[in-house]
Amino acid sequence: MSRRRQRQRDKRRQHAVSSRDSILSLLYDVGGHSMEHRQRYAKQMYKISRRHRLRFSQQDKELVCRSCTSLLVAGETRRVRLRNGMKIIHCMQCGAVRRVPYKQVRKVMV
């Protein structure tokens, strides 16, 4: 691959990362935007990350449903249950279920 093409690809990727991060900041701003706008931002963020193969952090993965790409807000559009070392996340829009393992903090008796 030529240097020019490589530089262009890197620029596109950097631009995608910066736009994804700005959309993430809009998603976390609960009071500033309505739920409809935040749903739209979630869809855009998911599209950008898939197009440019960008990874999410573990915290950001729980914001968007994988099947319907809707924003997951606790109590409104998602339900979270803890069972047998698994965090079970239900999407109330499409009914998708996601299971994420978590480690329980164990107290050491001395």
Protein backbone atom coordinates (compact mmCIF):
# COMPACT_ATOMS: atom_id res chain seq x y z
CA MET A 1 0.00 0.00 0.00
CA SER A 2 1.38 3.39 -0.91
CA ARG A 3 2.19 6.00 1.70
CA ARG A 4 -0.37 8.41 0.36
CA ARG A 5 -3.19 5.89 0.62
CA GLN A 6 -2.02 4.89 4.09
CA ARG A 7 -2.04 8.52 5.26
CA GLN A 8 -5.53 9.08 3.85
CA ARG A 9 -6.80 5.97 5.61
CA ASP A 10 -5.24 7.08 8.89
CA LYS A 11 -6.82 10.53 8.56
CA ARG A 12 -10.25 9.01 7.92
CA ARG A 13 -9.85 6.76 10.94
CA GLN A 14 -8.77 9.64 13.19
CA HIS A 15 -11.72 11.70 12.00
CA ALA A 16 -14.06 8.76 12.71
CA VAL A 17 -12.64 8.36 16.22
CA SER A 18 -13.09 12.06 17.00
CA SER A 19 -16.66 12.10 15.66
CA ARG A 20 -17.52 8.94 17.61
CA ASP A 21 -16.12 10.49 20.80
CA SER A 22 -18.12 13.68 20.30
CA ILE A 23 -21.30 11.63 19.79
CA LEU A 24 -20.48 9.65 22.95
CA SER A 25 -20.25 12.88 24.92
CA LEU A 26 -23.69 13.85 23.58
CA LEU A 27 -25.07 10.47 24.68
CA TYR A 28 -23.78 10.87 28.22
CA ASP A 29 -25.30 14.38 28.45
CA VAL A 30 -28.66 13.30 29.87
CA GLY A 31 -30.15 16.70 30.63
CA GLY A 32 -29.15 18.46 27.43
CA HIS A 33 -30.95 16.39 24.79
CA SER A 34 -34.27 14.62 24.40
CA MET A 35 -34.53 10.84 24.24
CA GLU A 36 -35.30 10.92 20.49
CA HIS A 37 -32.12 12.83 19.76
CA ARG A 38 -30.09 10.49 21.94
CA GLN A 39 -31.56 7.47 20.10
CA ARG A 40 -30.44 9.00 16.80
CA TYR A 41 -26.96 9.69 18.19
CA ALA A 42 -26.66 6.05 19.29
CA LYS A 43 -27.52 4.81 15.80
CA GLN A 44 -24.99 7.18 14.22
CA MET A 45 -22.26 6.17 16.66
CA TYR A 46 -22.88 2.48 16.00
CA LYS A 47 -22.79 3.04 12.22
CA ILE A 48 -19.52 4.97 12.39
CA SER A 49 -17.86 2.35 14.56
CA ARG A 50 -18.91 -0.51 12.28
CA ARG A 51 -17.84 1.29 9.12
CA HIS A 52 -14.36 2.07 10.45
CA ARG A 53 -13.95 -1.04 12.63
CA LEU A 54 -13.60 0.92 15.86
CA ARG A 55 -13.87 -0.84 19.20
CA PHE A 56 -15.96 0.27 22.14
CA SER A 57 -14.92 0.22 25.76
CA GLN A 58 -16.85 -2.17 28.01
CA GLN A 59 -18.87 0.71 29.43
CA ASP A 60 -19.78 2.01 25.97
CA LYS A 61 -20.81 -1.44 24.73
CA GLU A 62 -23.67 -1.44 27.22
CA LEU A 63 -25.07 1.81 25.81
CA VAL A 64 -26.25 0.43 22.47
CA CYS A 65 -28.27 -2.70 21.67
CA ARG A 66 -26.47 -4.86 19.11
CA SER A 67 -29.58 -6.04 17.32
CA CYS A 68 -31.71 -2.89 17.01
CA THR A 69 -28.99 -0.22 17.63
CA SER A 70 -31.20 1.66 20.07
CA LEU A 71 -29.90 3.50 23.11
CA LEU A 72 -30.10 1.44 26.30
CA VAL A 73 -31.08 3.51 29.33
CA ALA A 74 -31.56 1.72 32.64
CA GLY A 75 -35.22 1.57 33.61
CA GLU A 76 -36.50 3.01 30.33
CA THR A 77 -35.19 0.90 27.46
CA ARG A 78 -33.21 -1.81 29.25
CA ARG A 79 -33.56 -4.12 32.22
CA VAL A 80 -30.52 -5.42 34.08
CA ARG A 81 -30.46 -8.53 36.25
CA LEU A 82 -27.58 -10.18 38.08
CA ARG A 83 -27.64 -13.96 38.24
CA ASN A 84 -24.99 -16.67 38.67
CA GLY A 85 -22.03 -14.41 37.93
CA MET A 86 -23.70 -13.01 34.80
CA LYS A 87 -25.04 -9.54 34.13
CA ILE A 88 -28.15 -10.07 31.98
CA ILE A 89 -29.20 -7.05 29.91
CA HIS A 90 -32.65 -7.11 28.25
CA CYS A 91 -33.49 -4.60 25.52
CA MET A 92 -37.10 -3.50 25.93
CA GLN A 93 -37.30 -2.26 22.33
CA CYS A 94 -36.56 -5.52 20.50
CA GLY A 95 -36.38 -8.10 23.31
CA ALA A 96 -32.73 -9.01 22.71
CA VAL A 97 -30.81 -10.48 25.64
CA ARG A 98 -27.12 -9.95 26.30
CA ARG A 99 -25.16 -11.81 28.96
CA VAL A 100 -21.91 -10.37 30.28
CA PRO A 101 -19.81 -12.15 32.93
CA TYR A 102 -18.74 -10.16 35.94
CA LYS A 103 -16.49 -10.97 38.82
CA GLN A 104 -17.87 -10.85 42.31
CA VAL A 105 -15.68 -9.14 44.87
CA ARG A 106 -14.84 -11.67 47.53
CA LYS A 107 -13.81 -10.66 51.00
CA VAL A 108 -10.77 -12.39 52.40
CA MET A 109 -11.03 -13.44 56.02
CA VAL A 110 -7.79 -12.89 57.92
